[in-house]
Every structure is written in C-alpha cells, then in structure tokens.
All heavy atoms as atom14 arrays in JSON, in Angstrom:
{
  "sequence": "AQPNATILYSTLAKGPKLPVEYQINSTRHFMR",
  "atom14_mask": [
    [1, 1, 1, 1, 1, 0, 0, 0, 0, 0, 0, 0, 0, 0],
    [1, 1, 1, 1, 1, 1, 1, 1, 1, 0, 0, 0, 0, 0],
    [1, 1, 1, 1, 1, 1, 1, 0, 0, 0, 0, 0, 0, 0],
    [1, 1, 1, 1, 1, 1, 1, 1, 0, 0, 0, 0, 0, 0],
    [1, 1, 1, 1, 1, 0, 0, 0, 0, 0, 0, 0, 0, 0],
    [1, 1, 1, 1, 1, 1, 1, 0, 0, 0, 0, 0, 0, 0],
    [1, 1, 1, 1, 1, 1, 1, 1, 0, 0, 0, 0, 0, 0],
    [1, 1, 1, 1, 1, 1, 1, 1, 0, 0, 0, 0, 0, 0],
    [1, 1, 1, 1, 1, 1, 1, 1, 1, 1, 1, 1, 0, 0],
    [1, 1, 1, 1, 1, 1, 0, 0, 0, 0, 0, 0, 0, 0],
    [1, 1, 1, 1, 1, 1, 1, 0, 0, 0, 0, 0, 0, 0],
    [1, 1, 1, 1, 1, 1, 1, 1, 0, 0, 0, 0, 0, 0],
    [1, 1, 1, 1, 1, 0, 0, 0, 0, 0, 0, 0, 0, 0],
    [1, 1, 1, 1, 1, 1, 1, 1, 1, 0, 0, 0, 0, 0],
    [1, 1, 1, 1, 0, 0, 0, 0, 0, 0, 0, 0, 0, 0],
    [1, 1, 1, 1, 1, 1, 1, 0, 0, 0, 0, 0, 0, 0],
    [1, 1, 1, 1, 1, 1, 1, 1, 1, 0, 0, 0, 0, 0],
    [1, 1, 1, 1, 1, 1, 1, 1, 0, 0, 0, 0, 0, 0],
    [1, 1, 1, 1, 1, 1, 1, 0, 0, 0, 0, 0, 0, 0],
    [1, 1, 1, 1, 1, 1, 1, 0, 0, 0, 0, 0, 0, 0],
    [1, 1, 1, 1, 1, 1, 1, 1, 1, 0, 0, 0, 0, 0],
    [1, 1, 1, 1, 1, 1, 1, 1, 1, 1, 1, 1, 0, 0],
    [1, 1, 1, 1, 1, 1, 1, 1, 1, 0, 0, 0, 0, 0],
    [1, 1, 1, 1, 1, 1, 1, 1, 0, 0, 0, 0, 0, 0],
    [1, 1, 1, 1, 1, 1, 1, 1, 0, 0, 0, 0, 0, 0],
    [1, 1, 1, 1, 1, 1, 0, 0, 0, 0, 0, 0, 0, 0],
    [1, 1, 1, 1, 1, 1, 1, 0, 0, 0, 0, 0, 0, 0],
    [1, 1, 1, 1, 1, 1, 1, 1, 1, 1, 1, 0, 0, 0],
    [1, 1, 1, 1, 1, 1, 1, 1, 1, 1, 0, 0, 0, 0],
    [1, 1, 1, 1, 1, 1, 1, 1, 1, 1, 1, 0, 0, 0],
    [1, 1, 1, 1, 1, 1, 1, 1, 0, 0, 0, 0, 0, 0],
    [1, 1, 1, 1, 1, 1, 1, 1, 1, 1, 1, 0, 0, 0]
  ],
  "atom14_positions": [
    [[61.18, -215.77, 31.0], [62.15, -215.28, 32.03], [63.21, -214.49, 31.23], [63.89, -215.13, 30.36], [62.7, -216.33, 32.79], [0.0, 0.0, 0.0], [0.0, 0.0, 0.0], [0.0, 0.0, 0.0], [0.0, 0.0, 0.0], [0.0, 0.0, 0.0], [0.0, 0.0, 0.0], [0.0, 0.0, 0.0], [0.0, 0.0, 0.0], [0.0, 0.0, 0.0]],
    [[63.42, -213.17, 31.51], [64.33, -212.43, 30.82], [65.16, -211.52, 31.71], [64.9, -210.33, 31.68], [63.7, -211.52, 29.57], [62.83, -212.3, 28.61], [63.67, -212.85, 27.52], [64.93, -213.13, 27.84], [63.24, -213.09, 26.43], [0.0, 0.0, 0.0], [0.0, 0.0, 0.0], [0.0, 0.0, 0.0], [0.0, 0.0, 0.0], [0.0, 0.0, 0.0]],
    [[66.04, -211.89, 32.52], [66.56, -213.31, 32.55], [66.08, -214.18, 33.73], [66.44, -215.32, 33.85], [68.01, -213.26, 32.66], [68.14, -211.94, 33.68], [66.97, -210.98, 33.13], [0.0, 0.0, 0.0], [0.0, 0.0, 0.0], [0.0, 0.0, 0.0], [0.0, 0.0, 0.0], [0.0, 0.0, 0.0], [0.0, 0.0, 0.0], [0.0, 0.0, 0.0]],
    [[65.39, -213.54, 34.72], [65.07, -214.21, 35.94], [63.5, -214.73, 35.97], [62.69, -214.26, 35.06], [65.34, -213.41, 37.17], [64.4, -212.27, 37.38], [63.15, -212.5, 37.56], [64.85, -211.14, 37.36], [0.0, 0.0, 0.0], [0.0, 0.0, 0.0], [0.0, 0.0, 0.0], [0.0, 0.0, 0.0], [0.0, 0.0, 0.0], [0.0, 0.0, 0.0]],
    [[63.29, -215.68, 36.73], [62.13, -216.37, 36.69], [60.91, -215.77, 37.6], [59.76, -216.4, 37.83], [62.31, -217.79, 37.25], [0.0, 0.0, 0.0], [0.0, 0.0, 0.0], [0.0, 0.0, 0.0], [0.0, 0.0, 0.0], [0.0, 0.0, 0.0], [0.0, 0.0, 0.0], [0.0, 0.0, 0.0], [0.0, 0.0, 0.0], [0.0, 0.0, 0.0]],
    [[61.14, -214.55, 38.07], [60.1, -213.95, 38.92], [58.79, -213.85, 38.28], [57.7, -214.08, 38.83], [60.59, -212.53, 39.3], [61.92, -212.63, 40.02], [59.56, -211.9, 40.27], [0.0, 0.0, 0.0], [0.0, 0.0, 0.0], [0.0, 0.0, 0.0], [0.0, 0.0, 0.0], [0.0, 0.0, 0.0], [0.0, 0.0, 0.0], [0.0, 0.0, 0.0]],
    [[58.7, -213.51, 37.04], [57.38, -213.43, 36.3], [56.7, -214.81, 36.29], [55.47, -214.83, 36.4], [57.63, -212.95, 34.83], [56.25, -212.87, 34.18], [58.43, -213.86, 34.05], [56.34, -212.17, 32.79], [0.0, 0.0, 0.0], [0.0, 0.0, 0.0], [0.0, 0.0, 0.0], [0.0, 0.0, 0.0], [0.0, 0.0, 0.0], [0.0, 0.0, 0.0]],
    [[57.41, -215.94, 36.13], [56.89, -217.18, 36.18], [56.27, -217.54, 37.54], [55.12, -217.99, 37.61], [57.89, -218.25, 35.8], [58.77, -217.84, 34.54], [59.73, -219.03, 34.23], [57.92, -217.63, 33.32], [0.0, 0.0, 0.0], [0.0, 0.0, 0.0], [0.0, 0.0, 0.0], [0.0, 0.0, 0.0], [0.0, 0.0, 0.0], [0.0, 0.0, 0.0]],
    [[56.95, -217.3, 38.59], [56.56, -217.63, 39.93], [55.53, -216.86, 40.44], [54.62, -217.13, 41.13], [57.77, -217.73, 40.92], [58.82, -218.77, 40.57], [60.05, -218.78, 41.11], [58.45, -219.79, 39.63], [60.9, -219.83, 40.81], [59.32, -220.8, 39.31], [60.56, -220.86, 39.96], [61.54, -221.78, 39.68], [0.0, 0.0, 0.0], [0.0, 0.0, 0.0]],
    [[55.6, -215.47, 40.1], [54.55, -214.62, 40.54], [53.16, -214.86, 39.98], [52.08, -214.72, 40.48], [55.1, -213.09, 40.33], [55.2, -212.86, 38.95], [0.0, 0.0, 0.0], [0.0, 0.0, 0.0], [0.0, 0.0, 0.0], [0.0, 0.0, 0.0], [0.0, 0.0, 0.0], [0.0, 0.0, 0.0], [0.0, 0.0, 0.0], [0.0, 0.0, 0.0]],
    [[53.29, -215.23, 38.71], [52.1, -215.66, 37.93], [51.41, -216.89, 38.49], [50.26, -217.0, 38.82], [52.34, -215.91, 36.5], [52.86, -214.64, 35.94], [51.01, -216.08, 35.71], [0.0, 0.0, 0.0], [0.0, 0.0, 0.0], [0.0, 0.0, 0.0], [0.0, 0.0, 0.0], [0.0, 0.0, 0.0], [0.0, 0.0, 0.0], [0.0, 0.0, 0.0]],
    [[52.26, -217.86, 38.73], [51.81, -219.12, 39.38], [51.09, -218.89, 40.75], [50.13, -219.52, 41.17], [52.98, -220.1, 39.58], [52.69, -221.45, 40.27], [51.63, -222.18, 39.53], [53.88, -222.32, 40.42], [0.0, 0.0, 0.0], [0.0, 0.0, 0.0], [0.0, 0.0, 0.0], [0.0, 0.0, 0.0], [0.0, 0.0, 0.0], [0.0, 0.0, 0.0]],
    [[51.68, -217.88, 41.44], [51.11, -217.51, 42.78], [49.87, -217.03, 42.76], [49.1, -216.88, 43.86], [52.04, -216.68, 43.58], [0.0, 0.0, 0.0], [0.0, 0.0, 0.0], [0.0, 0.0, 0.0], [0.0, 0.0, 0.0], [0.0, 0.0, 0.0], [0.0, 0.0, 0.0], [0.0, 0.0, 0.0], [0.0, 0.0, 0.0], [0.0, 0.0, 0.0]],
    [[49.32, -216.61, 41.73], [47.98, -216.03, 41.57], [46.85, -217.15, 41.56], [45.66, -216.75, 41.6], [47.91, -215.16, 40.26], [48.76, -213.86, 40.18], [48.67, -213.22, 38.8], [49.57, -212.09, 38.77], [49.2, -210.83, 39.66], [0.0, 0.0, 0.0], [0.0, 0.0, 0.0], [0.0, 0.0, 0.0], [0.0, 0.0, 0.0], [0.0, 0.0, 0.0]],
    [[47.23, -218.37, 41.34], [46.32, -219.4, 41.25], [45.7, -219.85, 42.64], [46.24, -219.45, 43.65], [0.0, 0.0, 0.0], [0.0, 0.0, 0.0], [0.0, 0.0, 0.0], [0.0, 0.0, 0.0], [0.0, 0.0, 0.0], [0.0, 0.0, 0.0], [0.0, 0.0, 0.0], [0.0, 0.0, 0.0], [0.0, 0.0, 0.0], [0.0, 0.0, 0.0]],
    [[44.56, -220.63, 42.52], [44.0, -221.02, 43.77], [44.97, -221.81, 44.71], [45.87, -222.53, 44.18], [42.86, -221.84, 43.35], [42.54, -221.41, 41.87], [43.83, -221.03, 41.34], [0.0, 0.0, 0.0], [0.0, 0.0, 0.0], [0.0, 0.0, 0.0], [0.0, 0.0, 0.0], [0.0, 0.0, 0.0], [0.0, 0.0, 0.0], [0.0, 0.0, 0.0]],
    [[44.79, -221.69, 45.93], [45.52, -222.54, 46.93], [44.63, -223.54, 47.64], [43.45, -223.41, 47.7], [46.19, -221.71, 47.96], [47.21, -220.64, 47.33], [47.81, -219.8, 48.46], [48.96, -218.89, 48.01], [48.53, -218.05, 46.84], [0.0, 0.0, 0.0], [0.0, 0.0, 0.0], [0.0, 0.0, 0.0], [0.0, 0.0, 0.0], [0.0, 0.0, 0.0]],
    [[45.26, -224.69, 48.14], [44.55, -225.61, 48.76], [44.2, -225.16, 50.13], [45.07, -224.44, 50.75], [45.32, -226.96, 48.86], [45.55, -227.77, 47.57], [46.42, -228.98, 47.78], [44.21, -228.28, 46.92], [0.0, 0.0, 0.0], [0.0, 0.0, 0.0], [0.0, 0.0, 0.0], [0.0, 0.0, 0.0], [0.0, 0.0, 0.0], [0.0, 0.0, 0.0]],
    [[43.03, -225.56, 50.85], [42.9, -225.25, 52.22], [43.81, -226.04, 53.11], [44.39, -227.05, 52.53], [41.41, -225.68, 52.47], [41.13, -226.65, 51.32], [41.87, -226.17, 50.13], [0.0, 0.0, 0.0], [0.0, 0.0, 0.0], [0.0, 0.0, 0.0], [0.0, 0.0, 0.0], [0.0, 0.0, 0.0], [0.0, 0.0, 0.0], [0.0, 0.0, 0.0]],
    [[44.04, -225.6, 54.29], [45.07, -226.14, 55.16], [44.89, -227.8, 55.24], [45.91, -228.39, 55.19], [45.08, -225.45, 56.53], [46.03, -226.27, 57.44], [45.46, -224.1, 56.39], [0.0, 0.0, 0.0], [0.0, 0.0, 0.0], [0.0, 0.0, 0.0], [0.0, 0.0, 0.0], [0.0, 0.0, 0.0], [0.0, 0.0, 0.0], [0.0, 0.0, 0.0]],
    [[43.67, -228.19, 55.49], [43.42, -229.63, 55.59], [43.93, -230.36, 54.34], [44.62, -231.47, 54.48], [41.96, -229.83, 55.79], [41.53, -231.35, 55.84], [40.08, -231.59, 55.89], [39.34, -230.67, 55.78], [39.72, -232.78, 56.11], [0.0, 0.0, 0.0], [0.0, 0.0, 0.0], [0.0, 0.0, 0.0], [0.0, 0.0, 0.0], [0.0, 0.0, 0.0]],
    [[43.73, -229.85, 53.25], [44.1, -230.47, 51.96], [45.77, -230.37, 51.9], [46.36, -231.19, 51.31], [43.55, -229.91, 50.79], [42.09, -230.26, 50.64], [41.33, -230.88, 51.62], [41.32, -229.78, 49.52], [39.97, -231.28, 51.43], [40.03, -230.15, 49.3], [39.35, -230.82, 50.32], [37.99, -231.16, 50.13], [0.0, 0.0, 0.0], [0.0, 0.0, 0.0]],
    [[46.36, -229.27, 52.28], [47.71, -229.08, 52.27], [48.45, -230.16, 53.17], [49.49, -230.63, 52.79], [48.18, -227.63, 52.68], [47.86, -226.52, 51.74], [48.22, -225.14, 52.26], [48.31, -224.95, 53.55], [48.32, -224.26, 51.42], [0.0, 0.0, 0.0], [0.0, 0.0, 0.0], [0.0, 0.0, 0.0], [0.0, 0.0, 0.0], [0.0, 0.0, 0.0]],
    [[47.76, -230.43, 54.25], [48.37, -231.45, 55.16], [48.32, -232.81, 54.34], [49.33, -233.49, 54.34], [47.5, -231.53, 56.41], [47.79, -230.27, 57.33], [47.91, -232.84, 57.22], [46.86, -230.14, 58.46], [0.0, 0.0, 0.0], [0.0, 0.0, 0.0], [0.0, 0.0, 0.0], [0.0, 0.0, 0.0], [0.0, 0.0, 0.0], [0.0, 0.0, 0.0]],
    [[47.18, -233.03, 53.79], [47.1, -234.37, 52.98], [48.01, -234.35, 51.83], [48.77, -235.35, 51.66], [45.6, -234.4, 52.47], [45.42, -235.71, 51.61], [45.72, -235.66, 50.38], [44.82, -236.71, 52.12], [0.0, 0.0, 0.0], [0.0, 0.0, 0.0], [0.0, 0.0, 0.0], [0.0, 0.0, 0.0], [0.0, 0.0, 0.0], [0.0, 0.0, 0.0]],
    [[48.22, -233.18, 51.17], [49.21, -233.11, 49.98], [50.64, -233.44, 50.4], [51.29, -234.03, 49.74], [48.97, -231.7, 49.37], [49.87, -231.6, 48.35], [0.0, 0.0, 0.0], [0.0, 0.0, 0.0], [0.0, 0.0, 0.0], [0.0, 0.0, 0.0], [0.0, 0.0, 0.0], [0.0, 0.0, 0.0], [0.0, 0.0, 0.0], [0.0, 0.0, 0.0]],
    [[50.91, -232.81, 51.51], [52.37, -233.0, 51.89], [52.63, -234.42, 52.31], [53.69, -234.97, 52.0], [52.65, -231.96, 53.16], [52.45, -230.65, 52.82], [54.09, -232.22, 53.77], [0.0, 0.0, 0.0], [0.0, 0.0, 0.0], [0.0, 0.0, 0.0], [0.0, 0.0, 0.0], [0.0, 0.0, 0.0], [0.0, 0.0, 0.0], [0.0, 0.0, 0.0]],
    [[51.65, -235.15, 52.92], [51.82, -236.51, 53.33], [52.01, -237.3, 51.98], [52.86, -238.26, 51.92], [50.61, -236.93, 54.08], [50.59, -236.42, 55.52], [49.45, -236.98, 56.34], [49.78, -238.46, 56.69], [48.97, -239.28, 57.27], [47.68, -238.91, 57.39], [49.3, -240.53, 57.39], [0.0, 0.0, 0.0], [0.0, 0.0, 0.0], [0.0, 0.0, 0.0]],
    [[51.19, -236.99, 50.99], [51.34, -237.75, 49.77], [52.65, -237.48, 49.03], [53.27, -238.42, 48.46], [50.12, -237.52, 48.89], [49.04, -238.33, 49.14], [48.87, -239.56, 48.69], [47.85, -238.05, 49.95], [47.71, -240.17, 49.12], [47.16, -239.21, 49.88], [0.0, 0.0, 0.0], [0.0, 0.0, 0.0], [0.0, 0.0, 0.0], [0.0, 0.0, 0.0]],
    [[53.18, -236.25, 49.14], [54.46, -235.93, 48.5], [55.6, -236.67, 49.2], [56.46, -237.23, 48.55], [54.68, -234.44, 48.51], [55.87, -234.09, 47.67], [56.25, -234.77, 46.47], [56.66, -232.94, 48.0], [57.3, -234.34, 45.68], [57.79, -232.62, 47.19], [58.19, -233.32, 46.19], [0.0, 0.0, 0.0], [0.0, 0.0, 0.0], [0.0, 0.0, 0.0]],
    [[55.54, -236.69, 50.51], [56.54, -237.4, 51.33], [56.44, -238.84, 50.95], [57.55, -239.44, 50.69], [56.34, -237.14, 52.78], [56.69, -235.81, 53.23], [56.78, -235.61, 55.15], [55.02, -236.02, 55.47], [0.0, 0.0, 0.0], [0.0, 0.0, 0.0], [0.0, 0.0, 0.0], [0.0, 0.0, 0.0], [0.0, 0.0, 0.0], [0.0, 0.0, 0.0]],
    [[55.33, -239.46, 50.85], [55.26, -240.81, 50.45], [55.7, -241.04, 49.01], [56.26, -242.11, 48.78], [53.76, -241.29, 50.62], [53.56, -242.83, 50.36], [54.18, -243.62, 51.45], [53.49, -243.61, 52.67], [52.47, -244.24, 53.09], [52.0, -245.29, 52.37], [51.98, -244.1, 54.4], [0.0, 0.0, 0.0], [0.0, 0.0, 0.0], [0.0, 0.0, 0.0]]
  ]
}
C-alpha cells in the first residue's frame, strides 16, 4: 500500500466467493 490499501483489497476481491447458502452459514458462525 503506497499509501492506501486499495491494491490489497482489490486483489483480495478477485478470489472465489462462497455461494449464498454458505455465506449464510459463514455469517452464523462468525456471529457465534
């Protein structure tokens, strides 16, 4: 980051995402 983190977050955003069913499960586990 020179100086902001946009490069870091935009690169991370290129990765695979969980399907909605798994995102629901993931959010429940994070809350727990």
